[in-house]
Amino acid sequence: VDREAVKPAIPHITILNRDQESSGRSILNAEDLAEAIQEKFGRGTNGNSPLAATVEVVSHMDEWTFAQQFVKVSHTDILISPHGAQLTSLFLLPKCSSVLEIFGRGYYVPEFYGSLAASSGVRYQSLYTGGGDNSTSESKGNMTAELDYWMKSFETRSVARLFPICAPIDVIVDKVGEEIQLWNERMKDAKERC
């Protein structure tokens, strides 16, 4: 089915997770996150609400063929993923899609895949889940101190990259709501062929 010819009525959200045992940086509560998103935005919950969406968790995509990966990513409107090589597929996202890259404690390099998203025409957000939520000057200081420590050398960065992620579900659900609303606006805009 040609995605450009058949426009989806509601956005599809994919949580693209990593395997904790082999690579670290997995979202430990990915299933809980998916349930929270489904509960708030699922079709059965919201009916015909403009904030309805579908959601799924995908793990072990590195074991799939390129064709399987292509189909999955090209049918995703909002991609949620921890930082990692699986995000190299974000150039396959359809026009008007978005990506939320999640970073664990001690590791934060949003410019890495943020620049790929920008050159691919994909909306990009990053979320740091370590010490500090950026909402106050004190928490910003905690985040800065934490990153200064873990990002100071190759050795410490290598350790920090292995930390699993406990995603802040409420924060991500709020961001997903914003992205669904933006997706709906872009889909209505006849000038953009989403």
Protein backbone atom coordinates (compact mmCIF):
# COMPACT_ATOMS: atom_id res chain seq x y z
CA VAL A 1 0.00 0.00 0.00
CA ASP A 2 1.34 3.40 -0.98
CA ARG A 3 1.45 5.45 2.22
CA GLU A 4 1.34 8.68 0.23
CA ALA A 5 -1.86 7.60 -1.53
CA VAL A 6 -3.65 6.33 1.58
CA LYS A 7 -3.33 8.89 4.36
CA PRO A 8 -3.85 7.46 7.84
CA ALA A 9 -6.77 8.85 9.84
CA ILE A 10 -4.80 8.79 13.09
CA PRO A 11 -1.06 8.70 13.73
CA HIS A 12 0.77 5.47 14.47
CA ILE A 13 3.30 5.58 17.32
CA THR A 14 6.19 3.13 17.44
CA ILE A 15 8.32 2.73 20.54
CA LEU A 16 11.51 1.35 19.05
CA ASN A 17 13.32 -0.25 21.96
CA ARG A 18 16.76 -1.79 22.30
CA ASP A 19 17.79 -5.12 23.79
CA GLN A 20 19.09 -4.45 27.33
CA GLU A 21 21.23 -7.57 27.50
CA SER A 22 23.25 -6.90 24.37
CA SER A 23 23.45 -3.14 24.18
CA GLY A 24 22.15 -1.31 27.23
CA ARG A 25 20.19 1.90 26.80
CA SER A 26 16.86 0.12 26.62
CA ILE A 27 13.67 1.64 27.96
CA LEU A 28 12.97 -0.62 30.93
CA ASN A 29 9.32 0.44 31.18
CA ALA A 30 8.53 0.50 27.44
CA GLU A 31 5.43 -1.68 27.84
CA ASP A 32 4.12 0.55 30.65
CA LEU A 33 4.77 3.59 28.47
CA ALA A 34 2.86 2.01 25.57
CA GLU A 35 -0.05 1.18 27.89
CA ALA A 36 -0.16 4.76 29.20
CA ILE A 37 -0.14 6.16 25.66
CA GLN A 38 -2.82 3.67 24.59
CA GLU A 39 -4.92 4.50 27.64
CA LYS A 40 -4.81 8.23 26.94
CA PHE A 41 -4.88 8.27 23.13
CA GLY A 42 -6.09 4.83 22.04
CA ARG A 43 -8.93 4.62 19.59
CA GLY A 44 -11.23 2.84 22.05
CA THR A 45 -10.49 5.47 24.70
CA ASN A 46 -10.80 8.60 22.60
CA GLY A 47 -13.23 7.45 19.93
CA ASN A 48 -13.20 10.16 17.29
CA SER A 49 -11.10 12.55 19.34
CA PRO A 50 -8.51 14.51 17.37
CA LEU A 51 -5.93 13.16 19.81
CA ALA A 52 -6.46 9.48 18.99
CA ALA A 53 -3.51 7.28 17.98
CA THR A 54 -2.31 3.70 17.78
CA VAL A 55 0.85 2.53 19.56
CA GLU A 56 3.14 -0.48 19.58
CA VAL A 57 6.49 -1.51 21.05
CA VAL A 58 9.07 -2.95 18.68
CA SER A 59 12.20 -4.66 19.99
CA HIS A 60 14.99 -6.53 18.25
CA MET A 61 14.53 -4.69 14.96
CA ASP A 62 18.22 -5.33 14.31
CA GLU A 63 17.24 -8.95 13.59
CA TRP A 64 14.80 -7.92 10.85
CA THR A 65 15.56 -7.65 7.14
CA PHE A 66 15.98 -4.17 5.71
CA ALA A 67 12.64 -4.57 3.90
CA GLN A 68 10.87 -5.34 7.19
CA GLN A 69 12.55 -2.37 8.87
CA PHE A 70 11.61 -0.12 5.95
CA VAL A 71 7.94 -1.08 6.15
CA LYS A 72 7.77 -0.60 9.92
CA VAL A 73 9.51 2.77 10.03
CA SER A 74 7.82 4.15 6.90
CA HIS A 75 4.44 3.45 8.55
CA THR A 76 5.36 5.24 11.78
CA ASP A 77 4.24 8.80 12.42
CA ILE A 78 5.71 9.31 15.89
CA LEU A 79 8.87 7.39 16.76
CA ILE A 80 9.99 7.08 20.39
CA SER A 81 13.41 5.54 20.91
CA PRO A 82 16.40 5.53 23.21
CA HIS A 83 19.59 6.91 21.71
CA GLY A 84 21.25 4.34 19.48
CA ALA A 85 22.02 3.07 15.99
CA GLN A 86 18.38 2.08 15.41
CA LEU A 87 17.73 5.80 14.89
CA THR A 88 19.69 5.73 11.64
CA SER A 89 16.40 4.54 10.14
CA LEU A 90 14.64 7.81 10.94
CA PHE A 91 15.25 9.02 7.39
CA LEU A 92 12.62 6.42 6.40
CA LEU A 93 9.90 8.17 8.41
CA PRO A 94 7.14 9.73 6.31
CA LYS A 95 6.89 13.47 5.84
CA CYS A 96 5.33 15.26 8.80
CA SER A 97 6.45 12.62 11.29
CA SER A 98 8.41 13.21 14.47
CA VAL A 99 10.95 11.48 16.65
CA LEU A 100 11.48 11.64 20.41
CA GLU A 101 14.97 10.47 21.34
CA ILE A 102 15.38 9.46 24.97
CA PHE A 103 18.71 9.64 26.77
CA GLY A 104 19.58 7.89 30.00
CA ARG A 105 21.65 9.14 32.90
CA GLY A 106 25.03 10.60 32.04
CA TYR A 107 24.77 10.60 28.25
CA TYR A 108 23.24 13.36 26.15
CA VAL A 109 24.15 14.10 22.53
CA PRO A 110 20.95 15.36 20.84
CA GLU A 111 22.87 16.87 17.94
CA PHE A 112 23.86 13.38 16.76
CA TYR A 113 20.46 12.18 15.49
CA GLY A 114 18.86 15.61 15.74
CA SER A 115 20.87 16.70 12.72
CA LEU A 116 19.80 13.58 10.78
CA ALA A 117 16.19 14.34 11.65
CA ALA A 118 16.56 17.94 10.48
CA SER A 119 18.12 16.90 7.16
CA SER A 120 15.34 14.31 6.73
CA GLY A 121 12.56 16.83 7.34
CA VAL A 122 11.48 15.12 10.55
CA ARG A 123 10.49 17.01 13.70
CA TYR A 124 12.90 16.15 16.53
CA GLN A 125 12.76 16.31 20.32
CA SER A 126 15.14 14.91 22.89
CA LEU A 127 14.55 14.02 26.51
CA TYR A 128 17.25 13.58 29.14
CA THR A 129 16.14 11.22 31.91
CA GLY A 130 19.10 11.53 34.25
CA GLY A 131 19.50 13.76 37.29
CA GLY A 132 17.69 16.97 36.55
CA ASP A 133 14.59 17.74 34.58
CA ASN A 134 15.59 21.24 33.38
CA SER A 135 12.56 22.78 35.09
CA THR A 136 14.51 24.70 37.75
CA SER A 137 17.97 26.20 37.95
CA GLU A 138 18.85 23.63 40.62
CA SER A 139 17.85 20.67 38.45
CA LYS A 140 19.66 22.21 35.47
CA GLY A 141 22.74 22.39 37.68
CA ASN A 142 22.32 18.73 38.62
CA MET A 143 22.03 17.77 34.96
CA THR A 144 25.08 19.84 34.05
CA ALA A 145 27.16 18.36 36.87
CA GLU A 146 26.07 14.84 35.96
CA LEU A 147 26.86 15.32 32.29
CA ASP A 148 30.19 17.00 33.08
CA TYR A 149 31.17 13.89 35.02
CA TRP A 150 29.96 11.20 32.60
CA MET A 151 30.84 12.95 29.34
CA LYS A 152 34.40 13.91 30.36
CA SER A 153 36.20 10.96 28.76
CA PHE A 154 35.69 8.09 26.36
CA GLU A 155 35.78 5.63 29.26
CA THR A 156 33.08 7.37 31.30
CA ARG A 157 30.91 7.95 28.20
CA SER A 158 31.19 4.24 27.38
CA VAL A 159 29.92 3.35 30.84
CA ALA A 160 27.10 5.93 30.73
CA ARG A 161 25.92 4.60 27.37
CA LEU A 162 25.12 1.28 29.03
CA PHE A 163 22.74 2.65 31.65
CA PRO A 164 19.16 1.45 31.13
CA ILE A 165 16.42 4.07 30.94
CA CYS A 166 13.39 4.37 33.13
CA ALA A 167 11.20 6.63 31.00
CA PRO A 168 9.21 9.35 32.78
CA ILE A 169 5.81 8.18 31.54
CA ASP A 170 3.80 11.34 32.33
CA VAL A 171 6.35 13.59 30.62
CA ILE A 172 6.45 11.41 27.51
CA VAL A 173 2.66 11.06 27.35
CA ASP A 174 2.41 14.87 27.42
CA LYS A 175 4.99 15.15 24.63
CA VAL A 176 3.11 12.53 22.61
CA GLY A 177 -0.09 14.57 22.99
CA GLU A 178 1.72 17.62 21.60
CA GLU A 179 3.08 15.57 18.71
CA ILE A 180 -0.35 14.10 17.88
CA GLN A 181 -1.82 17.60 17.81
CA LEU A 182 0.98 18.84 15.52
CA TRP A 183 0.62 15.77 13.30
CA ASN A 184 -3.11 16.49 12.92
CA GLU A 185 -2.39 20.12 12.01
CA ARG A 186 0.20 19.08 9.43
CA MET A 187 -2.15 16.49 7.95
CA LYS A 188 -4.85 19.14 7.47
CA ASP A 189 -2.44 21.50 5.77
CA ALA A 190 -3.04 20.91 2.09
CA LYS A 191 0.29 22.50 1.22
CA GLU A 192 2.23 19.70 2.86
CA ARG A 193 1.93 16.27 1.32
CA CYS A 194 2.19 14.12 4.41
